[in-house]
């Protein structure tokens, strides 16, 4: 395993790289999270190199001078892929990370092999901070103590600018970008996910030019944190398709 720092246009990401193989998976976390939440998923994606990111101002990555928009975050991820990965990647984005993955596919398709949108945000029916927070708290309330503790630690690390980061997430309109993502796309949803409802995820999959929806029984929004095995199986099968 190797950890590297990459800076572009005044913002820095931290990338943790492990393994090797015929493909590369890039894991992009959600709001308030960091690369550590992908530990179980990364271990289970054994058929390729896995690159887990800390976005600017999350995990161990330093705060940028200004909170990045989703678009600027996607530009940074794409710059990293061109400079350090140098081959099209399977970009796996969770929650807000799904918005970043979508923007990378739209703005920088040459660095993308395909995308996986796990519990994608933001559902247009709940595009306010209060509604998103209520959904998130309701979803977390039924999670395991391990997931709650890990999430709480990462939110604390996200620092005092978390409100500005929420605003950056909420102003982005994924529904406008979905028709422009001309890469194979898998939408993953835990069947009990209260943050990304079934109707919204179905709309995401149907609006993508080459999208499909899979649901994971017994899981909520944090499906890739608590027992990532079902998500890993679906992601690996999707990545192996010709």
Protein backbone atom coordinates (compact mmCIF):
# COMPACT_ATOMS: atom_id res chain seq x y z
CA UNK A 1 0.00 0.00 0.00
CA UNK A 2 1.20 3.50 -0.84
CA UNK A 3 -0.19 6.89 0.16
CA UNK A 4 0.47 9.90 -2.04
CA UNK A 5 -0.46 13.58 -2.10
CA UNK A 6 -1.54 15.38 -5.25
CA UNK A 7 -2.11 19.13 -5.65
CA UNK A 8 -3.75 20.84 -8.60
CA UNK A 9 -5.10 24.40 -8.93
CA UNK A 10 -4.53 25.08 -5.23
CA UNK A 11 -6.36 22.02 -3.84
CA UNK A 12 -4.94 18.74 -2.55
CA UNK A 13 -6.18 15.18 -2.41
CA UNK A 14 -4.68 12.20 -0.60
CA UNK A 15 -4.71 8.89 -2.47
CA UNK A 16 -4.16 5.47 -0.92
CA UNK A 17 -3.22 2.87 -3.52
CA UNK A 18 -3.12 -0.90 -3.13
CA UNK A 19 -3.05 -4.02 -5.26
CA UNK A 20 -2.80 -4.38 -8.99
CA UNK A 21 -4.51 -6.04 -11.92
CA UNK A 22 -6.21 -5.48 -15.26
CA UNK A 23 -8.34 -2.56 -14.03
CA UNK A 24 -8.23 0.28 -11.54
CA UNK A 25 -10.99 1.28 -9.13
CA UNK A 26 -11.10 4.84 -7.79
CA UNK A 27 -13.20 5.23 -4.64
CA UNK A 28 -14.73 8.66 -3.92
CA UNK A 29 -16.35 9.22 -0.53
CA UNK A 30 -19.44 11.18 0.46
CA UNK A 31 -20.04 14.34 2.50
CA UNK A 32 -18.22 14.36 5.82
CA UNK A 33 -16.40 11.11 5.09
CA UNK A 34 -12.90 10.08 3.98
CA UNK A 35 -11.04 7.20 2.41
CA UNK A 36 -11.06 5.08 5.59
CA UNK A 37 -14.77 4.29 5.11
CA UNK A 38 -13.79 2.22 2.06
CA UNK A 39 -11.48 -0.18 3.94
CA UNK A 40 -13.75 -3.22 3.63
CA UNK A 41 -14.74 -2.47 0.03
CA UNK A 42 -11.11 -1.93 -1.00
CA UNK A 43 -10.14 -5.29 0.49
CA UNK A 44 -12.84 -7.02 -1.57
CA UNK A 45 -11.97 -5.47 -4.95
CA UNK A 46 -9.09 -7.85 -5.41
CA UNK A 47 -9.16 -8.04 -9.21
CA UNK A 48 -7.51 -4.65 -9.75
CA UNK A 49 -5.65 -1.74 -8.26
CA UNK A 50 -7.74 0.21 -5.75
CA UNK A 51 -7.24 3.94 -5.21
CA UNK A 52 -9.18 5.43 -2.27
CA UNK A 53 -9.27 9.22 -2.07
CA UNK A 54 -9.51 11.88 0.62
CA UNK A 55 -11.08 14.87 -1.14
CA UNK A 56 -9.90 18.38 -0.19
CA UNK A 57 -10.90 19.19 3.38
CA UNK A 58 -11.79 15.60 4.27
CA UNK A 59 -9.87 12.82 5.99
CA UNK A 60 -6.17 13.73 5.94
CA UNK A 61 -6.42 16.14 2.98
CA UNK A 62 -5.88 19.80 3.90
CA UNK A 63 -8.63 22.37 3.63
CA UNK A 64 -8.47 24.39 0.41
CA UNK A 65 -8.68 28.17 0.63
CA UNK A 66 -12.25 27.92 -0.63
CA UNK A 67 -14.66 25.00 -0.51
CA UNK A 68 -14.63 23.40 -3.94
CA UNK A 69 -17.73 23.00 -6.07
CA UNK A 70 -18.61 19.50 -7.24
CA UNK A 71 -17.38 20.48 -10.72
CA UNK A 72 -13.99 21.72 -9.44
CA UNK A 73 -13.64 18.60 -7.32
CA UNK A 74 -14.24 16.49 -10.44
CA UNK A 75 -11.59 18.48 -12.31
CA UNK A 76 -9.10 17.77 -9.50
CA UNK A 77 -9.87 14.03 -9.51
CA UNK A 78 -9.49 13.95 -13.30
CA UNK A 79 -6.16 15.79 -13.10
CA UNK A 80 -4.93 13.21 -10.59
CA UNK A 81 -6.03 10.33 -12.82
CA UNK A 82 -4.22 11.80 -15.84
CA UNK A 83 -1.03 12.47 -13.89
CA UNK A 84 -0.79 9.40 -11.66
CA UNK A 85 -3.10 6.60 -12.87
CA UNK A 86 -2.75 7.08 -16.63
CA UNK A 87 -5.48 4.65 -17.70
CA UNK A 88 -9.28 4.80 -17.70
CA UNK A 89 -10.69 3.94 -14.28
CA UNK A 90 -13.84 2.50 -12.77
CA UNK A 91 -14.91 5.42 -10.60
CA UNK A 92 -17.00 4.38 -7.60
CA UNK A 93 -18.69 7.32 -5.89
CA UNK A 94 -20.74 7.07 -2.72
CA UNK A 95 -23.42 9.66 -1.87
CA UNK A 96 -21.83 13.06 -2.66
CA UNK A 97 -18.99 11.09 -4.24
CA UNK A 98 -21.50 9.86 -6.81
CA UNK A 99 -21.98 13.49 -7.86
CA UNK A 100 -18.21 13.82 -8.27
CA UNK A 101 -18.01 10.57 -10.26
CA UNK A 102 -20.83 11.75 -12.52
CA UNK A 103 -19.09 15.07 -13.18
CA UNK A 104 -15.79 13.33 -13.99
CA UNK A 105 -17.63 11.19 -16.56
CA UNK A 106 -19.30 14.25 -18.12
CA UNK A 107 -16.34 16.65 -18.03
CA UNK A 108 -13.43 14.24 -18.51
CA UNK A 109 -14.67 11.05 -20.22
CA UNK A 110 -11.18 10.06 -21.40
CA UNK A 111 -10.14 9.15 -17.83
CA UNK A 112 -13.25 7.03 -17.19
CA UNK A 113 -13.91 3.41 -18.08
CA UNK A 114 -17.26 3.29 -16.26
CA UNK A 115 -18.91 4.69 -13.15
CA UNK A 116 -20.66 3.23 -10.12
CA UNK A 117 -23.03 5.54 -8.24
CA UNK A 118 -23.71 4.20 -4.74
CA UNK A 119 -26.61 5.84 -2.90
CA UNK A 120 -26.44 8.87 -5.22
CA UNK A 121 -27.36 12.34 -4.01
CA UNK A 122 -28.97 14.81 -4.22
CA UNK A 123 -32.59 13.73 -4.62
CA UNK A 124 -34.31 16.86 -6.03
CA UNK A 125 -37.27 16.23 -3.71
CA UNK A 126 -35.01 16.89 -0.70
CA UNK A 127 -32.61 19.57 -1.90
CA UNK A 128 -32.30 21.40 1.41
CA UNK A 129 -29.78 20.93 4.20
CA UNK A 130 -32.50 20.20 6.77
CA UNK A 131 -34.17 17.49 4.65
CA UNK A 132 -30.87 15.86 3.77
CA UNK A 133 -29.78 15.91 7.41
CA UNK A 134 -33.07 14.41 8.61
CA UNK A 135 -32.79 11.61 6.06
CA UNK A 136 -29.16 10.96 6.96
CA UNK A 137 -29.83 10.84 10.71
CA UNK A 138 -32.82 8.54 10.21
CA UNK A 139 -30.70 6.21 8.06
CA UNK A 140 -27.76 6.19 10.49
CA UNK A 141 -30.06 5.57 13.48
CA UNK A 142 -30.56 1.95 12.41
CA UNK A 143 -26.91 1.33 11.51
CA UNK A 144 -24.41 -0.66 13.54
CA UNK A 145 -22.35 1.05 16.29
CA UNK A 146 -19.23 0.55 14.13
CA UNK A 147 -20.72 2.50 11.22
CA UNK A 148 -21.98 5.26 13.54
CA UNK A 149 -18.58 5.60 15.25
CA UNK A 150 -16.69 5.66 11.95
CA UNK A 151 -19.05 8.24 10.47
CA UNK A 152 -18.87 10.46 13.56
CA UNK A 153 -15.07 10.42 13.51
CA UNK A 154 -14.93 11.39 9.84
CA UNK A 155 -17.48 14.19 10.26
CA UNK A 156 -15.35 15.66 13.04
CA UNK A 157 -12.31 15.52 10.76
CA UNK A 158 -14.25 17.38 8.06
CA UNK A 159 -13.93 20.46 10.24
CA UNK A 160 -15.87 23.65 10.85
CA UNK A 161 -16.58 24.28 7.15
CA UNK A 162 -18.96 21.35 6.88
CA UNK A 163 -21.92 23.72 6.33
CA UNK A 164 -20.23 25.27 3.29
CA UNK A 165 -19.47 21.77 2.02
CA UNK A 166 -23.14 20.86 2.38
CA UNK A 167 -24.08 23.93 0.35
CA UNK A 168 -21.65 22.92 -2.38
CA UNK A 169 -23.28 19.50 -2.54
CA UNK A 170 -26.83 20.86 -2.53
CA UNK A 171 -26.41 23.42 -5.32
CA UNK A 172 -25.15 20.77 -7.73
CA UNK A 173 -27.92 19.39 -9.97
CA UNK A 174 -27.07 15.82 -10.99
CA UNK A 175 -30.39 15.44 -12.80
CA UNK A 176 -29.13 17.93 -15.40
CA UNK A 177 -25.86 16.03 -15.94
CA UNK A 178 -27.11 12.45 -16.06
CA UNK A 179 -28.05 12.50 -19.79
CA UNK A 180 -24.53 13.72 -20.62
CA UNK A 181 -22.62 10.81 -19.02
CA UNK A 182 -21.94 8.56 -22.02
CA UNK A 183 -20.18 5.75 -20.14
CA UNK A 184 -21.53 2.49 -18.72
CA UNK A 185 -23.04 3.23 -15.31
CA UNK A 186 -24.22 1.11 -12.41
CA UNK A 187 -26.48 2.64 -9.75
CA UNK A 188 -26.30 0.79 -6.42
CA UNK A 189 -28.84 1.31 -3.66
CA UNK A 190 -29.33 -0.35 -0.30
CA UNK A 191 -33.00 -1.33 -0.18
CA UNK A 192 -33.39 0.49 3.16
CA UNK A 193 -31.59 3.66 2.04
CA UNK A 194 -33.52 6.70 3.30
CA UNK A 195 -31.11 9.24 1.78
CA UNK A 196 -31.38 7.95 -1.79
CA UNK A 197 -34.98 6.73 -2.20
CA UNK A 198 -35.94 4.04 -4.71
CA UNK A 199 -37.82 6.42 -7.02
CA UNK A 200 -34.85 8.77 -7.25
CA UNK A 201 -32.35 5.98 -7.89
CA UNK A 202 -34.63 4.54 -10.56
CA UNK A 203 -34.76 7.98 -12.19
CA UNK A 204 -30.96 8.20 -12.09
CA UNK A 205 -30.53 4.82 -13.78
CA UNK A 206 -33.19 5.53 -16.43
CA UNK A 207 -31.82 8.99 -17.27
CA UNK A 208 -28.25 7.79 -17.77
CA UNK A 209 -27.62 6.84 -21.42
CA UNK A 210 -26.23 3.44 -20.37
CA UNK A 211 -27.40 2.93 -16.80
CA UNK A 212 -28.86 0.18 -14.68
CA UNK A 213 -30.04 -0.13 -11.09
CA UNK A 214 -29.18 -2.85 -8.57
CA UNK A 215 -30.50 -2.95 -5.01
CA UNK A 216 -28.75 -4.62 -2.07
CA UNK A 217 -31.08 -6.32 0.38
CA UNK A 218 -30.84 -5.49 4.05
CA UNK A 219 -28.61 -2.44 3.64
CA UNK A 220 -29.11 1.30 3.99
CA UNK A 221 -27.19 4.32 2.76
CA UNK A 222 -23.85 3.10 4.15
CA UNK A 223 -24.00 -0.13 2.19
CA UNK A 224 -20.28 -0.08 1.30
CA UNK A 225 -19.21 0.42 4.94
CA UNK A 226 -21.19 -2.28 6.76
CA UNK A 227 -20.39 -5.57 5.06
CA UNK A 228 -19.23 -4.39 1.64
CA UNK A 229 -19.25 -7.92 0.19
CA UNK A 230 -22.56 -7.61 -1.75
CA UNK A 231 -21.56 -4.23 -3.23
CA UNK A 232 -18.10 -5.54 -4.13
CA UNK A 233 -19.56 -8.53 -5.98
CA UNK A 234 -21.83 -6.31 -8.05
CA UNK A 235 -19.07 -3.80 -8.78
CA UNK A 236 -16.59 -6.49 -9.84
CA UNK A 237 -19.15 -8.16 -12.10
CA UNK A 238 -20.02 -4.82 -13.70
CA UNK A 239 -16.35 -3.88 -14.19
CA UNK A 240 -15.62 -7.20 -15.90
CA UNK A 241 -18.28 -6.72 -18.58
CA UNK A 242 -17.02 -6.05 -22.09
